[in-house]
Amino acid sequence: MKKDSMNGLLLTLRNRNLSTPEFRKAAEKMSVLLLRKLKAVLNKDGVRSGEVSTVIILRAAVAMLPPMLHMFPGTSVGVLGLRRDEHTKRAHWYYEKLPPISKKSIIVILDPMLATGGSASAAVSRLILRGADPRNIYFVGVIAAPSGVVRLAQKIPESHIILSIIDEGLDHDAMIVPGLGDFGDRYFGNIPTRSKK
């Protein structure tokens, strides 16, 4: 198996002993591969890359933005801030800054993890409220739980959901299993340090 293949990178990202710089490097490579898949889907749908607007869901999706800007240099970027309540598992809004949106807008939502699908579905609903056509919305993520895919596919075409893998499911904390831990914490280096014995 090639180290930089999607499966190889997935194994790397799942390694809980990976350093923050190594995780960032693997996350960037994975994003590039996923965005290549997106380009193929867009080409099949007759969409030119210059017509795409990007929306990131804070904060983990920040990791996917540099490759997106490199591969889609003309894209406008919107930012949505959603925070999941750890008790109710529901998404709550805290920030929104979007480019102009119309029915013709082609929008790509970036978010590495699609667990319950709550944040992604809320983002799609917000974009529709701002004038987007759900048939023109795409989602790119690294890992998903089956229930998250089912929920998001009720909002946008399932063929518009681009992922590296659909994992087994969710644990009691609504975290993807086996997953790869908290993507944002690992990318931003917010992991508690291990005590030395």
Protein backbone atom coordinates (compact mmCIF):
# COMPACT_ATOMS: atom_id res chain seq x y z
CA MET A 1 0.00 0.00 0.00
CA LYS A 2 1.40 3.41 -0.95
CA LYS A 3 2.11 5.71 1.98
CA ASP A 4 0.35 8.62 0.28
CA SER A 5 -2.67 6.65 -0.91
CA MET A 6 -5.99 7.44 0.74
CA ASN A 7 -5.90 4.19 2.75
CA GLY A 8 -2.30 4.75 3.77
CA LEU A 9 -3.01 8.31 4.89
CA LEU A 10 -6.08 7.14 6.78
CA LEU A 11 -3.94 4.65 8.73
CA THR A 12 -1.48 7.45 9.47
CA LEU A 13 -4.21 9.83 10.67
CA ARG A 14 -5.69 7.12 12.92
CA ASN A 15 -2.33 6.69 14.69
CA ARG A 16 -2.93 8.33 18.09
CA ASN A 17 0.85 8.61 18.68
CA LEU A 18 1.36 10.86 15.66
CA SER A 19 2.96 14.21 16.45
CA THR A 20 1.07 17.41 15.61
CA PRO A 21 3.37 18.27 12.65
CA GLU A 22 2.99 14.73 11.27
CA PHE A 23 -0.79 14.89 11.67
CA ARG A 24 -0.91 18.24 9.85
CA LYS A 25 1.18 16.90 6.99
CA ALA A 26 -1.01 13.80 6.60
CA ALA A 27 -4.19 15.91 6.87
CA GLU A 28 -2.99 18.18 4.06
CA LYS A 29 -2.15 15.23 1.81
CA MET A 30 -5.54 13.65 2.53
CA SER A 31 -7.28 16.94 1.73
CA VAL A 32 -5.52 17.09 -1.64
CA LEU A 33 -6.69 13.57 -2.53
CA LEU A 34 -10.27 14.34 -1.45
CA LEU A 35 -10.28 17.58 -3.44
CA ARG A 36 -9.11 15.67 -6.51
CA LYS A 37 -12.16 13.44 -6.04
CA LEU A 38 -14.29 16.58 -5.74
CA LYS A 39 -12.84 17.95 -9.00
CA ALA A 40 -13.74 14.72 -10.78
CA VAL A 41 -17.34 14.93 -9.48
CA LEU A 42 -17.59 18.61 -10.44
CA ASN A 43 -16.23 17.88 -13.93
CA LYS A 44 -18.78 15.08 -14.33
CA ASP A 45 -21.51 17.52 -13.25
CA GLY A 46 -20.27 20.11 -15.77
CA VAL A 47 -19.03 22.58 -13.14
CA ARG A 48 -15.90 24.62 -13.80
CA SER A 49 -13.62 25.06 -10.78
CA GLY A 50 -13.73 28.85 -11.11
CA GLU A 51 -17.46 28.82 -10.33
CA VAL A 52 -17.05 27.30 -6.86
CA SER A 53 -17.58 28.99 -3.49
CA THR A 54 -16.11 27.37 -0.39
CA VAL A 55 -17.69 27.30 3.07
CA ILE A 56 -15.68 26.03 6.02
CA ILE A 57 -17.18 24.96 9.33
CA LEU A 58 -14.96 26.15 12.16
CA ARG A 59 -12.60 25.07 13.41
CA ALA A 60 -11.36 21.73 12.10
CA ALA A 61 -12.10 22.64 8.46
CA VAL A 62 -9.38 25.30 8.60
CA ALA A 63 -7.01 22.37 7.96
CA MET A 64 -8.61 21.74 4.57
CA LEU A 65 -8.63 25.36 3.39
CA PRO A 66 -5.02 25.80 2.12
CA PRO A 67 -5.28 22.83 -0.30
CA MET A 68 -8.70 24.11 -1.41
CA LEU A 69 -7.29 27.57 -2.16
CA HIS A 70 -4.39 26.02 -4.04
CA MET A 71 -6.60 23.75 -6.18
CA PHE A 72 -9.45 26.27 -6.59
CA PRO A 73 -7.58 29.62 -6.61
CA GLY A 74 -10.62 31.64 -7.71
CA THR A 75 -12.92 30.39 -4.96
CA SER A 76 -14.61 32.79 -2.56
CA VAL A 77 -14.61 31.64 1.06
CA GLY A 78 -17.36 31.72 3.66
CA VAL A 79 -17.02 30.80 7.31
CA LEU A 80 -19.62 29.24 9.58
CA GLY A 81 -19.07 28.84 13.30
CA LEU A 82 -20.99 25.98 14.86
CA ARG A 83 -20.27 24.55 18.26
CA ARG A 84 -21.62 21.18 19.36
CA ASP A 85 -23.18 21.13 22.80
CA GLU A 86 -21.45 18.23 24.55
CA HIS A 87 -24.62 17.34 26.48
CA THR A 88 -27.33 17.61 23.82
CA LYS A 89 -24.97 16.91 20.85
CA ARG A 90 -26.78 19.71 18.97
CA ALA A 91 -25.01 22.37 16.93
CA HIS A 92 -25.24 26.02 18.01
CA TRP A 93 -24.33 29.04 15.86
CA TYR A 94 -21.72 31.52 16.98
CA TYR A 95 -20.37 32.99 13.69
CA GLU A 96 -21.38 33.51 10.06
CA LYS A 97 -19.63 35.30 7.20
CA LEU A 98 -20.70 34.15 3.73
CA PRO A 99 -20.06 35.36 0.19
CA PRO A 100 -23.07 36.39 -1.92
CA ILE A 101 -25.23 33.32 -2.58
CA SER A 102 -27.85 32.61 -5.24
CA LYS A 103 -29.69 29.58 -6.62
CA LYS A 104 -26.89 29.22 -9.19
CA SER A 105 -24.08 29.24 -6.61
CA ILE A 106 -21.95 26.08 -6.53
CA ILE A 107 -20.95 25.64 -2.89
CA VAL A 108 -18.44 23.23 -1.36
CA ILE A 109 -18.68 22.70 2.40
CA LEU A 110 -15.47 21.52 4.06
CA ASP A 111 -15.50 19.70 7.40
CA PRO A 112 -13.17 16.76 8.15
CA MET A 113 -15.59 14.88 10.39
CA LEU A 114 -19.21 13.98 9.61
CA ALA A 115 -20.42 12.34 12.83
CA THR A 116 -24.11 12.91 13.58
CA GLY A 117 -24.43 15.17 10.55
CA GLY A 118 -25.87 17.90 12.75
CA SER A 119 -23.34 20.61 11.90
CA ALA A 120 -23.25 19.82 8.18
CA SER A 121 -27.05 19.69 7.97
CA ALA A 122 -27.34 22.97 9.88
CA ALA A 123 -24.80 24.53 7.49
CA VAL A 124 -26.81 23.37 4.47
CA SER A 125 -30.01 24.76 5.99
CA ARG A 126 -28.30 28.10 6.59
CA LEU A 127 -27.03 28.19 2.99
CA ILE A 128 -30.52 27.39 1.66
CA LEU A 129 -31.89 30.18 3.85
CA ARG A 130 -29.37 32.54 2.21
CA GLY A 131 -30.54 31.51 -1.28
CA ALA A 132 -28.57 28.37 -2.22
CA ASP A 133 -30.05 25.46 -4.15
CA PRO A 134 -29.29 22.21 -2.24
CA ARG A 135 -28.70 20.46 -5.59
CA ASN A 136 -25.65 22.74 -6.00
CA ILE A 137 -24.10 22.00 -2.61
CA TYR A 138 -21.21 19.56 -2.15
CA PHE A 139 -19.60 18.29 1.04
CA VAL A 140 -15.98 17.16 1.46
CA GLY A 141 -14.88 15.39 4.64
CA VAL A 142 -12.29 12.87 5.77
CA ILE A 143 -14.32 10.42 7.87
CA ALA A 144 -18.04 9.90 8.46
CA ALA A 145 -20.39 7.78 10.50
CA PRO A 146 -23.22 6.09 8.57
CA SER A 147 -25.88 8.08 10.44
CA GLY A 148 -24.17 11.35 9.50
CA VAL A 149 -24.17 10.43 5.82
CA VAL A 150 -27.85 9.43 5.96
CA ARG A 151 -28.77 12.71 7.64
CA LEU A 152 -26.79 14.88 5.21
CA ALA A 153 -28.12 12.94 2.21
CA GLN A 154 -31.60 14.11 3.20
CA LYS A 155 -30.41 17.65 2.41
CA ILE A 156 -28.06 17.29 -0.58
CA PRO A 157 -27.50 14.59 -3.24
CA GLU A 158 -25.58 11.65 -1.77
CA SER A 159 -23.28 11.72 -4.82
CA HIS A 160 -22.18 15.19 -3.64
CA ILE A 161 -20.79 13.80 -0.36
CA ILE A 162 -17.07 13.13 -0.85
CA LEU A 163 -15.29 11.13 1.88
CA SER A 164 -12.27 8.89 2.35
CA ILE A 165 -14.26 6.35 4.39
CA ILE A 166 -17.51 5.69 6.23
CA ASP A 167 -16.61 4.23 9.61
CA GLU A 168 -18.59 1.80 11.79
CA GLY A 169 -20.68 4.27 13.76
CA LEU A 170 -20.75 6.54 16.81
CA ASP A 171 -19.89 5.96 20.45
CA HIS A 172 -21.94 7.20 23.44
CA ASP A 173 -20.27 10.64 23.09
CA ALA A 174 -21.31 10.84 19.40
CA MET A 175 -17.68 10.46 18.31
CA ILE A 176 -16.92 8.45 15.17
CA VAL A 177 -15.72 4.88 15.82
CA PRO A 178 -12.99 3.89 15.18
CA GLY A 179 -12.44 7.44 13.91
CA LEU A 180 -9.21 9.28 14.56
CA GLY A 181 -9.91 11.28 17.71
CA ASP A 182 -10.75 14.99 17.73
CA PHE A 183 -9.47 16.21 14.35
CA GLY A 184 -9.39 19.87 15.39
CA ASP A 185 -7.56 19.22 18.65
CA ARG A 186 -5.00 17.05 16.90
CA TYR A 187 -4.48 19.52 14.03
CA PHE A 188 -4.15 22.55 16.31
CA GLY A 189 -2.01 20.74 18.90
CA ASN A 190 -4.58 20.98 21.70
CA ILE A 191 -3.94 17.46 22.96
CA PRO A 192 -3.17 17.09 26.68
CA THR A 193 0.48 16.14 27.11
CA ARG A 194 1.20 12.75 28.57
CA SER A 195 2.68 12.84 32.05
CA LYS A 196 6.18 11.43 32.33
CA LYS A 197 6.57 8.52 34.74
